[in-house]
Protein backbone atom coordinates (compact mmCIF):
# COMPACT_ATOMS: atom_id res chain seq x y z
CA MET A 1 -9.63 8.49 23.66
CA LYS A 2 -11.38 11.06 21.48
CA ASP A 3 -13.34 9.10 18.84
CA ILE A 4 -12.94 11.43 15.88
CA TYR A 5 -11.64 9.04 13.22
CA THR A 6 -13.98 8.81 10.24
CA PRO A 7 -13.89 5.33 8.66
CA PHE A 8 -14.45 4.49 4.99
CA SER A 9 -17.81 2.71 5.27
CA ASN A 10 -17.03 -0.97 6.02
CA TYR A 11 -13.86 -0.90 3.93
CA LYS A 12 -11.07 -2.94 5.55
CA GLU A 13 -8.35 -0.46 6.45
CA HIS A 14 -4.74 -1.30 7.11
CA ASN A 15 -3.08 0.20 10.18
CA LEU A 16 -6.48 1.26 11.49
CA ASP A 17 -5.76 1.08 15.23
CA ASN A 18 -2.67 3.24 14.88
CA ARG A 19 -4.56 5.76 12.76
CA LYS A 20 -7.36 6.06 15.31
CA GLU A 21 -4.83 6.58 18.09
CA ALA A 22 -2.98 9.20 16.04
CA ALA A 23 -6.21 11.11 15.36
CA SER A 24 -7.03 11.14 19.06
CA LYS A 25 -3.56 12.26 20.16
CA GLU A 26 -3.48 14.98 17.53
CA VAL A 27 -6.29 16.90 19.22
CA ASP A 28 -4.11 17.70 22.23
CA LEU A 29 -1.18 18.68 19.99
CA TRP A 30 -3.26 21.59 18.71
CA GLU A 31 -2.79 23.13 22.17
CA SER A 32 -4.80 26.40 22.33
CA ASP A 33 -6.80 25.35 19.26
CA SER A 34 -7.52 21.84 20.53
CA GLU A 35 -11.19 22.46 21.34
CA LYS A 36 -11.76 24.10 17.96
CA PHE A 37 -9.98 21.29 16.14
CA LEU A 38 -11.99 18.67 18.05
CA ALA A 39 -15.24 20.45 17.12
CA TYR A 40 -14.16 20.53 13.47
CA ARG A 41 -13.36 16.81 13.35
CA GLN A 42 -16.58 15.92 15.17
CA GLU A 43 -18.57 17.98 12.68
CA TRP A 44 -16.65 16.35 9.82
CA LYS A 45 -17.59 12.91 11.13
CA LYS A 46 -21.22 13.94 11.65
CA ALA A 47 -21.47 15.18 8.05
CA ALA A 48 -20.08 11.84 6.88
CA GLN A 49 -22.25 9.53 8.95
CA GLU A 50 -25.50 11.36 9.67
CA ASP A 51 -28.14 13.33 7.78
CA TYR A 52 -26.38 16.59 8.55
CA LEU A 53 -25.34 19.59 6.46
CA PRO A 54 -23.01 22.21 8.01
CA GLU A 55 -23.99 25.83 7.60
CA ASN A 56 -20.75 26.46 5.67
CA PRO A 57 -18.17 24.17 4.05
CA LEU A 58 -15.87 22.61 6.62
CA HIS A 59 -13.03 22.31 4.14
CA LEU A 60 -11.90 23.91 0.90
CA ASP A 61 -9.63 22.41 -1.74
CA ILE A 62 -7.88 25.17 -3.69
CA GLU A 63 -5.95 24.00 -6.73
CA VAL A 64 -2.88 26.24 -6.85
CA SER A 65 -1.42 24.08 -9.63
CA ASP A 66 -2.88 21.50 -11.99
CA ALA A 67 0.60 20.80 -13.37
CA CYS A 68 2.63 17.84 -12.15
CA ASN A 69 6.19 16.61 -12.59
CA LEU A 70 5.13 12.93 -12.47
CA LYS A 71 2.91 10.75 -14.64
CA CYS A 72 1.58 8.19 -12.20
CA GLN A 73 -0.22 5.30 -13.82
CA TYR A 74 -3.45 5.85 -11.86
CA CYS A 75 -3.58 9.63 -12.11
CA ALA A 76 -5.05 12.05 -14.63
CA HIS A 77 -1.56 13.15 -15.66
CA GLY A 78 -0.41 9.62 -16.36
CA LEU A 79 -3.65 8.86 -18.19
CA GLY A 80 -3.26 11.96 -20.34
CA THR A 81 -6.66 13.47 -19.50
CA VAL A 82 -5.29 16.77 -18.23
CA GLY A 83 -5.02 19.45 -20.92
CA LYS A 84 -3.32 22.81 -20.64
CA VAL A 85 -1.90 23.30 -17.17
CA GLY A 86 -0.70 26.21 -15.10
CA PHE A 87 -0.99 28.06 -11.80
CA ILE A 88 -3.94 29.78 -10.15
CA LYS A 89 -4.09 33.59 -10.25
CA PRO A 90 -2.85 35.14 -6.99
CA GLU A 91 -5.80 37.51 -6.84
CA LEU A 92 -8.17 34.56 -6.98
CA VAL A 93 -6.40 32.92 -4.04
CA GLU A 94 -6.72 36.14 -2.04
CA LYS A 95 -10.42 36.35 -2.86
CA LEU A 96 -10.98 32.75 -1.80
CA LEU A 97 -9.02 33.07 1.43
CA ILE A 98 -10.89 36.19 2.52
CA GLN A 99 -14.23 34.50 1.85
CA ALA A 100 -13.12 31.30 3.58
CA ALA A 101 -12.07 33.25 6.66
CA ASP A 102 -15.39 35.11 6.66
CA LEU A 103 -17.23 31.77 6.56
CA GLU A 104 -14.97 30.39 9.29
CA VAL A 105 -13.91 27.48 7.11
CA TYR A 106 -11.83 25.23 9.34
CA SER A 107 -9.49 23.68 6.80
CA ILE A 108 -7.86 24.42 3.45
CA LYS A 109 -5.75 22.14 1.29
CA PHE A 110 -3.82 23.88 -1.48
CA ASN A 111 -4.07 21.23 -4.14
CA TRP A 112 -6.29 18.99 -6.18
CA ARG A 113 -5.14 17.44 -9.47
CA GLY A 114 -1.58 18.77 -9.55
CA GLU A 115 1.58 19.10 -7.49
CA ALA A 116 1.21 22.15 -5.27
CA THR A 117 4.93 22.61 -4.61
CA LEU A 118 5.53 23.49 -8.26
CA ASN A 119 3.83 26.84 -7.64
CA PRO A 120 6.55 29.18 -6.28
CA ARG A 121 3.89 31.27 -4.49
CA LEU A 122 2.71 28.35 -2.35
CA PRO A 123 4.47 29.50 0.87
CA ASP A 124 2.90 32.95 0.43
CA TYR A 125 -0.55 31.41 0.16
CA ILE A 126 0.03 29.29 3.27
CA ARG A 127 1.23 32.31 5.23
CA ARG A 128 -1.74 34.39 4.09
CA ALA A 129 -4.23 31.68 5.05
CA LYS A 130 -2.78 31.53 8.54
CA GLU A 131 -2.80 35.33 8.82
CA LEU A 132 -6.53 35.28 8.05
CA GLY A 133 -7.20 32.72 10.76
CA ILE A 134 -7.68 29.49 8.82
CA MET A 135 -7.14 26.85 11.47
CA GLU A 136 -5.77 23.96 9.39
CA VAL A 137 -3.69 24.53 6.25
CA GLN A 138 -2.35 21.48 4.48
CA ILE A 139 -0.91 20.09 1.26
CA ASN A 140 -0.50 16.75 -0.47
CA THR A 141 2.86 16.40 -2.18
CA ASN A 142 4.81 13.83 -4.15
CA GLY A 143 7.85 15.03 -2.20
CA LEU A 144 9.82 15.95 -5.31
CA PRO A 145 9.63 19.75 -5.62
CA LYS A 146 11.83 21.50 -8.15
CA ASP A 147 12.95 23.90 -5.41
CA ASN A 148 14.82 21.84 -2.81
CA LYS A 149 13.91 24.36 -0.11
CA MET A 150 10.19 24.40 -0.91
CA LEU A 151 9.08 21.87 1.72
CA ILE A 152 10.83 23.73 4.52
CA ARG A 153 9.61 27.09 3.19
CA CYS A 154 6.04 25.77 3.41
CA ALA A 155 6.62 24.63 6.99
CA GLU A 156 8.13 27.97 7.95
CA ALA A 157 5.10 29.73 6.45
CA GLY A 158 2.85 28.00 8.96
CA LEU A 159 1.76 24.76 7.30
CA ASP A 160 -0.20 22.55 9.69
CA ARG A 161 -0.15 19.24 7.79
CA MET A 162 2.06 17.79 5.07
CA ILE A 163 0.98 14.57 3.37
CA PHE A 164 3.62 12.67 1.42
CA SER A 165 2.46 10.17 -1.19
CA VAL A 166 4.98 7.30 -1.18
CA ASP A 167 3.45 4.45 -3.15
CA GLY A 168 5.87 1.69 -2.29
CA PHE A 169 8.63 0.53 -0.03
CA SER A 170 11.08 -0.25 -2.81
CA LYS A 171 12.56 1.58 -5.73
CA VAL A 172 11.07 -0.92 -8.16
CA SER A 173 7.45 -0.76 -7.01
CA TYR A 174 7.48 3.01 -6.49
CA GLU A 175 9.04 3.97 -9.82
CA GLU A 176 6.86 1.59 -11.80
CA ALA A 177 3.68 3.18 -10.45
CA ARG A 178 4.91 6.76 -10.17
CA ARG A 179 6.47 7.29 -13.57
CA GLY A 180 9.06 10.06 -13.55
CA GLY A 181 9.69 9.78 -9.82
CA ASN A 182 13.00 8.94 -8.19
CA TYR A 183 12.60 6.84 -5.06
CA ASP A 184 16.05 7.60 -3.65
CA THR A 185 15.53 11.35 -4.03
CA LEU A 186 12.09 11.16 -2.48
CA ILE A 187 13.26 9.27 0.60
CA ALA A 188 16.20 11.67 1.00
CA ASN A 189 13.81 14.63 0.79
CA ILE A 190 11.51 13.18 3.45
CA ASP A 191 14.44 12.25 5.69
CA ASN A 192 15.88 15.75 5.40
CA PHE A 193 12.53 17.32 6.20
CA LEU A 194 12.00 15.13 9.26
CA LYS A 195 15.53 15.88 10.48
CA TRP A 196 14.90 19.61 10.06
CA LYS A 197 11.66 19.33 12.00
CA ASP A 198 13.36 17.39 14.82
CA LEU A 199 16.31 19.77 14.93
CA ASN A 200 13.93 22.69 15.40
CA GLN A 201 11.83 20.74 17.93
CA LEU A 202 8.63 21.39 15.99
CA THR A 203 5.27 19.68 16.43
CA LYS A 204 3.95 21.01 13.15
CA PRO A 205 3.50 20.39 10.39
CA PHE A 206 1.97 17.05 11.22
CA VAL A 207 3.36 14.56 8.73
CA ARG A 208 1.41 11.76 7.11
CA ILE A 209 3.04 9.17 4.86
CA GLN A 210 0.60 7.34 2.64
CA MET A 211 0.69 4.47 0.18
CA VAL A 212 -1.75 3.48 -2.53
CA ARG A 213 -1.77 -0.29 -2.14
CA ASN A 214 -1.68 -2.10 -5.48
CA ASN A 215 -0.41 -5.33 -7.01
CA LEU A 216 3.09 -3.85 -7.32
CA ASN A 217 3.55 -3.07 -3.63
CA SER A 218 0.99 -5.10 -1.63
CA MET A 219 3.71 -7.37 -0.27
CA GLU A 220 5.52 -4.31 1.13
CA VAL A 221 2.70 -2.94 3.30
CA ASP A 222 3.85 -4.41 6.62
CA ASP A 223 7.43 -3.19 6.16
CA PHE A 224 6.15 0.21 5.00
CA VAL A 225 4.04 0.67 8.12
CA LYS A 226 6.75 -0.63 10.46
CA HIS A 227 9.35 1.74 9.00
CA TRP A 228 7.28 4.93 8.92
CA GLN A 229 5.04 4.46 11.97
CA VAL A 230 7.83 5.39 14.39
CA ARG A 231 8.96 8.38 12.35
CA VAL A 232 5.83 10.33 11.42
CA ASP A 233 2.47 11.25 12.91
CA ASP A 234 0.26 9.10 10.69
CA VAL A 235 0.61 6.27 8.17
CA ARG A 236 -2.24 5.58 5.77
CA ILE A 237 -2.63 2.62 3.41
CA SER A 238 -5.41 2.95 0.85
CA ASP A 239 -6.24 0.51 -1.93
CA VAL A 240 -5.97 1.67 -5.52
CA MET A 241 -9.25 2.59 -7.20
CA ASP A 242 -10.04 2.75 -10.90
CA ARG A 243 -9.48 6.33 -12.02
CA GLY A 244 -9.66 5.44 -15.68
CA GLN A 245 -6.72 3.06 -15.84
CA GLY A 246 -8.83 -0.10 -15.37
CA ASP A 247 -8.44 -2.68 -12.63
CA GLY A 248 -5.00 -3.95 -13.64
CA PHE A 249 -3.38 -2.53 -10.50
CA SER A 250 -5.97 -3.91 -8.09
CA VAL A 251 -4.94 -6.51 -5.52
CA LYS A 252 -8.45 -7.96 -5.90
CA ASP A 253 -8.87 -9.08 -2.29
CA SER A 254 -11.89 -6.86 -1.63
CA LYS A 255 -14.81 -5.71 -3.72
CA THR A 256 -17.62 -3.20 -3.76
CA VAL A 257 -21.14 -4.54 -3.28
CA GLY A 258 -23.19 -1.37 -3.22
CA ARG A 259 -23.25 2.39 -2.87
CA ARG A 260 -23.83 4.76 0.02
CA ARG A 261 -24.18 8.50 0.42
CA CYS A 262 -20.85 10.14 -0.32
CA PRO A 263 -19.85 12.60 2.42
CA GLN A 264 -17.87 15.00 0.25
CA PRO A 265 -20.73 17.28 -0.93
CA PHE A 266 -21.67 17.68 2.74
CA GLN A 267 -18.15 18.58 3.84
CA ARG A 268 -16.26 20.51 1.16
CA LEU A 269 -16.01 22.53 -2.02
CA VAL A 270 -13.28 21.91 -4.61
CA VAL A 271 -12.03 24.97 -6.48
CA ALA A 272 -10.02 24.42 -9.67
CA ARG A 273 -7.30 26.88 -10.66
CA ASP A 274 -9.68 28.42 -13.23
CA GLY A 275 -12.24 29.20 -10.51
CA ARG A 276 -14.74 26.51 -11.43
CA VAL A 277 -16.15 24.62 -8.46
CA SER A 278 -16.93 20.91 -8.14
CA PRO A 279 -18.77 19.10 -5.32
CA CYS A 280 -16.01 16.56 -4.74
CA CYS A 281 -12.40 15.64 -5.52
CA ALA A 282 -13.42 12.96 -8.05
CA ASP A 283 -14.59 15.44 -10.70
CA TRP A 284 -11.18 15.45 -12.41
CA ASN A 285 -12.58 16.37 -15.82
CA GLN A 286 -14.92 19.04 -14.40
CA GLN A 287 -18.13 17.40 -15.52
CA PHE A 288 -20.31 18.54 -12.61
CA ILE A 289 -19.59 22.24 -12.20
CA VAL A 290 -21.74 23.97 -9.59
CA GLY A 291 -20.50 27.47 -10.42
CA ASN A 292 -17.47 29.71 -10.66
CA VAL A 293 -16.01 31.71 -7.79
CA GLU A 294 -15.29 34.52 -10.22
CA ASP A 295 -19.07 34.97 -10.49
CA SER A 296 -20.45 33.71 -7.17
CA GLY A 297 -19.23 33.64 -3.60
CA LEU A 298 -18.43 30.48 -1.68
CA ARG A 299 -21.54 30.88 0.47
CA ALA A 300 -23.82 31.13 -2.56
CA LEU A 301 -22.18 28.11 -4.18
CA TRP A 302 -22.42 26.03 -1.00
CA ASN A 303 -26.14 26.73 -0.83
CA GLY A 304 -26.71 26.80 -4.58
CA THR A 305 -28.75 24.59 -6.89
CA GLY A 306 -25.77 22.54 -8.07
CA MET A 307 -24.72 21.46 -4.59
CA LYS A 308 -28.32 20.82 -3.57
CA ASN A 309 -28.83 18.61 -6.61
CA MET A 310 -25.70 16.59 -5.86
CA ARG A 311 -26.73 16.12 -2.23
CA GLU A 312 -30.16 14.85 -3.28
CA ILE A 313 -28.51 12.43 -5.73
CA GLN A 314 -26.36 11.13 -2.89
CA LYS A 315 -29.22 10.85 -0.41
CA ASP A 316 -31.33 8.92 -2.93
CA LEU A 317 -28.35 6.73 -3.98
CA ARG A 318 -28.90 7.72 -7.62
CA HIS A 319 -25.18 7.47 -8.42
CA ASN A 320 -25.67 5.97 -11.86
CA GLU A 321 -27.40 9.14 -13.07
CA VAL A 322 -24.16 11.15 -12.88
CA ASP A 323 -20.93 10.11 -14.59
CA ILE A 324 -18.59 11.30 -11.85
CA CYS A 325 -20.58 9.30 -9.28
CA LYS A 326 -21.10 6.27 -11.50
CA ASN A 327 -17.35 6.09 -12.16
CA CYS A 328 -16.30 7.31 -8.71
CA TYR A 329 -13.04 6.37 -6.99
CA VAL A 330 -13.92 7.79 -3.56
CA LYS A 331 -13.98 4.85 -1.15
CA GLU A 332 -16.47 6.46 1.23
CA SER A 333 -19.22 6.26 -1.40
CA PHE A 334 -19.13 2.43 -1.62
CA VAL A 335 -20.23 -0.49 0.51
CA TRP A 336 -17.42 -3.06 0.72
CA GLU A 337 -17.14 -6.80 1.12
């Protein structure tokens, strides 16, 4: 077995054995790119667990939309902290993709704080990324696009990984947490996508179904895993973290007892739709901007003062000096009990 799974510190993960096995099997499914994918995941793990900084970012988050059609109770949209929303400029995406290809960035995910499938140009961006040689192109989605054909259009454009967020195994728990969502429609959309994939005998996109475990759905975890494990490539269960909503959703059966170096500033850059760059996905309110891609290239930003400062903060465990770290929801940056 190829040991490429990167754990969340000592955080107790649900479905861990199956996830490790899925990560190992996935390497071979990359076929001609399997060695390159294995090298990428090994470097990703090394950046997370050792004192190691890759020459270039391993991954890039590009926010093609900061708009969303849901108002989840533990999301910036549900909390009302997102202001004016819209779509990224196509010319900015082209600029980013060319630079990413030049830097041999392994992986790109076309979203951050919003729902990527709301942007009608998303399939074009996926296709362009693959044309330029980006190995892994992926999206997170709530599975409820306005265009019913959007999920399949993304797959046809060359998407490598599709991650569905399904926070519950019942209509009641799901719709209470994900305000504005329709559980029946979501499940139908996923079922239709999986049937289309099977009908066309496709390996990709790899499909992950994930649940944010909270006090509304914690009793459903076993049934959730049992149902989805035989239908998709990967099933992830991750406990809810405080993103500004308080701890009212927490199951309260585990707790944080310390901090550790967060891997994100050593693995990725996060580009908002306005071009501003953050060192991690937790900077929802853009409080720690390291630059703007309209002014500086990705290479300069990766090696710039802002990223260096954040890495030193992480190495020295000075999380309380920076608001986004002090109030972080990224599990990898905590020690758990």
